[in-house]
Amino acid sequence: MTEEKLVFTDDEGQEESLYILARTKLGENDYLLVKESEEAEEAFILKLTEENGDDLIFDVVDDDDELEALAGIFEQLLDDESEGEA
């Protein structure tokens, strides 16, 4: 599976990359499931919090209820994707 990369600039001006595993929309909000490298086992969820022209601002989701709802959605998306590859 080829994963899309998200390149962003941190507060110190350093470019960083995250690998996008899946994306979804819940209500009016856009979310990404990302990991720090292709080999990383751990993933986390980012929420688009602001659009300013071409700049997109994402924050890590840390609300337990929001995480629980999104975890189920992303799990289903990844399951559907892996079934499509079989």
N, C-alpha and C. Protein backbone atom coordinates (compact mmCIF):
# COMPACT_ATOMS: atom_id res chain seq x y z
N MET A 1 0.85 -1.17 0.00
CA MET A 1 0.00 0.00 0.00
C MET A 1 0.90 1.24 0.00
N THR A 2 0.67 2.15 -0.95
CA THR A 2 1.41 3.39 -0.99
C THR A 2 0.69 4.41 -0.13
N GLU A 3 1.42 4.99 0.78
CA GLU A 3 0.81 5.94 1.70
C GLU A 3 1.17 7.36 1.30
N GLU A 4 0.21 8.21 1.38
CA GLU A 4 0.39 9.62 1.08
C GLU A 4 1.12 10.29 2.24
N LYS A 5 2.02 11.22 1.91
CA LYS A 5 2.76 11.93 2.95
C LYS A 5 2.19 13.33 3.13
N LEU A 6 2.16 13.75 4.37
CA LEU A 6 1.78 15.11 4.74
C LEU A 6 3.05 15.78 5.22
N VAL A 7 3.48 16.83 4.53
CA VAL A 7 4.68 17.56 4.92
C VAL A 7 4.21 18.85 5.58
N PHE A 8 4.73 19.10 6.77
CA PHE A 8 4.33 20.30 7.48
C PHE A 8 5.56 20.96 8.09
N THR A 9 5.37 22.21 8.50
CA THR A 9 6.43 22.96 9.14
C THR A 9 6.06 23.17 10.59
N ASP A 10 6.96 22.78 11.50
CA ASP A 10 6.67 22.93 12.92
C ASP A 10 6.94 24.36 13.37
N ASP A 11 6.74 24.62 14.66
CA ASP A 11 6.87 25.98 15.20
C ASP A 11 8.28 26.54 15.06
N GLU A 12 9.29 25.67 14.93
CA GLU A 12 10.67 26.12 14.77
C GLU A 12 11.08 26.25 13.31
N GLY A 13 10.15 26.02 12.38
CA GLY A 13 10.44 26.14 10.96
C GLY A 13 11.02 24.89 10.33
N GLN A 14 11.06 23.79 11.07
CA GLN A 14 11.59 22.52 10.55
C GLN A 14 10.49 21.76 9.81
N GLU A 15 10.84 21.22 8.64
CA GLU A 15 9.88 20.41 7.90
C GLU A 15 9.85 19.01 8.47
N GLU A 16 8.65 18.49 8.64
CA GLU A 16 8.42 17.13 9.16
C GLU A 16 7.46 16.43 8.19
N SER A 17 7.50 15.13 8.18
CA SER A 17 6.58 14.35 7.35
C SER A 17 5.80 13.37 8.21
N LEU A 18 4.54 13.21 7.88
CA LEU A 18 3.70 12.19 8.48
C LEU A 18 3.08 11.40 7.34
N TYR A 19 2.83 10.13 7.58
CA TYR A 19 2.23 9.27 6.58
C TYR A 19 0.74 9.12 6.87
N ILE A 20 -0.07 9.44 5.87
CA ILE A 20 -1.53 9.39 6.03
C ILE A 20 -2.02 7.98 5.74
N LEU A 21 -2.65 7.37 6.74
CA LEU A 21 -3.20 6.03 6.59
C LEU A 21 -4.64 6.09 6.09
N ALA A 22 -5.40 7.09 6.56
CA ALA A 22 -6.81 7.21 6.18
C ALA A 22 -7.26 8.62 6.52
N ARG A 23 -8.35 9.02 5.90
CA ARG A 23 -8.96 10.30 6.20
C ARG A 23 -10.48 10.13 6.26
N THR A 24 -11.12 10.97 7.06
CA THR A 24 -12.57 10.89 7.18
C THR A 24 -13.11 12.25 7.60
N LYS A 25 -14.42 12.36 7.53
CA LYS A 25 -15.12 13.56 7.98
C LYS A 25 -16.17 13.10 8.99
N LEU A 26 -16.25 13.79 10.12
CA LEU A 26 -17.25 13.49 11.13
C LEU A 26 -17.91 14.81 11.48
N GLY A 27 -19.20 14.90 11.18
CA GLY A 27 -19.88 16.19 11.35
C GLY A 27 -19.27 17.18 10.37
N GLU A 28 -18.87 18.31 10.85
CA GLU A 28 -18.25 19.35 10.00
C GLU A 28 -16.73 19.29 10.02
N ASN A 29 -16.15 18.31 10.71
CA ASN A 29 -14.70 18.26 10.91
C ASN A 29 -14.03 17.21 10.04
N ASP A 30 -12.81 17.55 9.57
CA ASP A 30 -11.98 16.63 8.80
C ASP A 30 -10.89 16.06 9.69
N TYR A 31 -10.63 14.76 9.54
CA TYR A 31 -9.65 14.06 10.37
C TYR A 31 -8.71 13.23 9.51
N LEU A 32 -7.49 13.07 9.99
CA LEU A 32 -6.50 12.21 9.36
C LEU A 32 -5.97 11.22 10.39
N LEU A 33 -5.79 9.97 9.97
CA LEU A 33 -5.09 8.98 10.77
C LEU A 33 -3.68 8.93 10.20
N VAL A 34 -2.68 9.25 11.03
CA VAL A 34 -1.30 9.37 10.54
C VAL A 34 -0.34 8.60 11.43
N LYS A 35 0.86 8.35 10.86
CA LYS A 35 1.95 7.79 11.64
C LYS A 35 3.24 8.50 11.23
N GLU A 36 4.26 8.42 12.07
CA GLU A 36 5.47 9.19 11.87
C GLU A 36 6.40 8.60 10.81
N SER A 37 6.32 7.31 10.53
CA SER A 37 7.13 6.69 9.49
C SER A 37 6.36 5.52 8.91
N GLU A 38 6.82 5.04 7.77
CA GLU A 38 6.14 3.90 7.16
C GLU A 38 6.22 2.65 8.04
N GLU A 39 7.30 2.54 8.82
CA GLU A 39 7.50 1.37 9.66
C GLU A 39 6.85 1.50 11.04
N ALA A 40 6.42 2.69 11.42
CA ALA A 40 5.88 2.93 12.76
C ALA A 40 4.65 2.06 13.01
N GLU A 41 4.56 1.55 14.22
CA GLU A 41 3.41 0.73 14.63
C GLU A 41 2.28 1.59 15.18
N GLU A 42 2.64 2.71 15.79
CA GLU A 42 1.68 3.56 16.47
C GLU A 42 1.19 4.68 15.53
N ALA A 43 -0.11 4.94 15.58
CA ALA A 43 -0.70 6.00 14.78
C ALA A 43 -1.46 6.95 15.69
N PHE A 44 -1.74 8.14 15.18
CA PHE A 44 -2.54 9.08 15.94
C PHE A 44 -3.45 9.84 14.99
N ILE A 45 -4.43 10.53 15.57
CA ILE A 45 -5.47 11.20 14.79
C ILE A 45 -5.29 12.71 14.88
N LEU A 46 -5.32 13.35 13.71
CA LEU A 46 -5.24 14.80 13.63
C LEU A 46 -6.59 15.35 13.17
N LYS A 47 -6.93 16.52 13.68
CA LYS A 47 -8.18 17.20 13.32
C LYS A 47 -7.82 18.51 12.66
N LEU A 48 -8.42 18.78 11.49
CA LEU A 48 -8.22 20.06 10.82
C LEU A 48 -8.96 21.12 11.62
N THR A 49 -8.23 22.08 12.17
CA THR A 49 -8.86 23.08 13.03
C THR A 49 -8.94 24.45 12.39
N GLU A 50 -8.15 24.68 11.33
CA GLU A 50 -8.17 26.01 10.72
C GLU A 50 -7.62 25.94 9.31
N GLU A 51 -8.25 26.67 8.40
CA GLU A 51 -7.75 26.83 7.04
C GLU A 51 -7.50 28.31 6.83
N ASN A 52 -6.28 28.62 6.41
CA ASN A 52 -5.89 30.01 6.18
C ASN A 52 -5.20 30.06 4.82
N GLY A 53 -5.98 30.25 3.77
CA GLY A 53 -5.43 30.20 2.42
C GLY A 53 -4.96 28.78 2.12
N ASP A 54 -3.68 28.65 1.76
CA ASP A 54 -3.11 27.33 1.48
C ASP A 54 -2.64 26.63 2.75
N ASP A 55 -2.61 27.34 3.87
CA ASP A 55 -2.14 26.77 5.13
C ASP A 55 -3.28 26.05 5.84
N LEU A 56 -3.00 24.83 6.27
CA LEU A 56 -3.95 24.05 7.04
C LEU A 56 -3.36 23.83 8.42
N ILE A 57 -4.17 24.03 9.45
CA ILE A 57 -3.72 23.84 10.82
C ILE A 57 -4.40 22.59 11.38
N PHE A 58 -3.59 21.62 11.83
CA PHE A 58 -4.09 20.39 12.42
C PHE A 58 -3.69 20.33 13.88
N ASP A 59 -4.55 19.76 14.71
CA ASP A 59 -4.24 19.50 16.11
C ASP A 59 -4.45 18.02 16.38
N VAL A 60 -3.67 17.48 17.31
CA VAL A 60 -3.83 16.09 17.72
C VAL A 60 -5.12 15.98 18.53
N VAL A 61 -5.92 14.99 18.21
CA VAL A 61 -7.17 14.74 18.95
C VAL A 61 -6.81 14.06 20.27
N ASP A 62 -7.26 14.66 21.38
CA ASP A 62 -6.98 14.06 22.68
C ASP A 62 -8.23 13.90 23.54
N ASP A 63 -9.38 14.27 23.02
CA ASP A 63 -10.64 14.07 23.73
C ASP A 63 -11.03 12.59 23.64
N ASP A 64 -11.23 11.94 24.78
CA ASP A 64 -11.50 10.50 24.80
C ASP A 64 -12.74 10.10 24.01
N ASP A 65 -13.83 10.85 24.14
CA ASP A 65 -15.06 10.51 23.41
C ASP A 65 -14.86 10.65 21.91
N GLU A 66 -14.20 11.73 21.50
CA GLU A 66 -13.93 11.97 20.09
C GLU A 66 -13.00 10.87 19.54
N LEU A 67 -11.97 10.51 20.31
CA LEU A 67 -11.05 9.45 19.90
C LEU A 67 -11.76 8.11 19.74
N GLU A 68 -12.64 7.79 20.67
CA GLU A 68 -13.36 6.53 20.62
C GLU A 68 -14.23 6.44 19.36
N ALA A 69 -14.95 7.51 19.06
CA ALA A 69 -15.80 7.54 17.86
C ALA A 69 -14.95 7.40 16.59
N LEU A 70 -13.86 8.12 16.54
CA LEU A 70 -13.01 8.11 15.35
C LEU A 70 -12.26 6.79 15.19
N ALA A 71 -11.85 6.18 16.29
CA ALA A 71 -11.13 4.90 16.22
C ALA A 71 -11.97 3.86 15.50
N GLY A 72 -13.25 3.80 15.81
CA GLY A 72 -14.14 2.86 15.13
C GLY A 72 -14.28 3.14 13.65
N ILE A 73 -14.38 4.41 13.31
CA ILE A 73 -14.50 4.79 11.91
C ILE A 73 -13.23 4.43 11.14
N PHE A 74 -12.07 4.79 11.69
CA PHE A 74 -10.81 4.51 11.01
C PHE A 74 -10.55 3.00 10.93
N GLU A 75 -10.92 2.26 11.95
CA GLU A 75 -10.75 0.80 11.92
C GLU A 75 -11.55 0.22 10.76
N GLN A 76 -12.78 0.68 10.60
CA GLN A 76 -13.63 0.18 9.51
C GLN A 76 -13.05 0.58 8.15
N LEU A 77 -12.57 1.81 8.02
CA LEU A 77 -11.97 2.25 6.77
C LEU A 77 -10.76 1.40 6.39
N LEU A 78 -9.90 1.12 7.36
CA LEU A 78 -8.71 0.31 7.09
C LEU A 78 -9.09 -1.14 6.77
N ASP A 79 -10.10 -1.68 7.47
CA ASP A 79 -10.57 -3.03 7.17
C ASP A 79 -11.11 -3.10 5.75
N ASP A 80 -11.92 -2.10 5.36
CA ASP A 80 -12.50 -2.07 4.01
C ASP A 80 -11.39 -1.99 2.96
N GLU A 81 -10.36 -1.19 3.24
CA GLU A 81 -9.25 -1.02 2.31
C GLU A 81 -8.47 -2.32 2.15
N SER A 82 -8.20 -3.00 3.28
CA SER A 82 -7.43 -4.24 3.21
C SER A 82 -8.23 -5.34 2.52
N GLU A 83 -9.54 -5.36 2.69
CA GLU A 83 -10.38 -6.34 1.99
C GLU A 83 -10.38 -6.08 0.50
N GLY A 84 -10.29 -4.79 0.09
CA GLY A 84 -10.24 -4.45 -1.33
C GLY A 84 -8.94 -4.86 -1.98
N GLU A 85 -7.87 -4.99 -1.20
CA GLU A 85 -6.57 -5.38 -1.74
C GLU A 85 -6.45 -6.90 -1.90
N ALA A 86 -7.29 -7.64 -1.20
CA ALA A 86 -7.18 -9.10 -1.22
C ALA A 86 -7.66 -9.70 -2.50
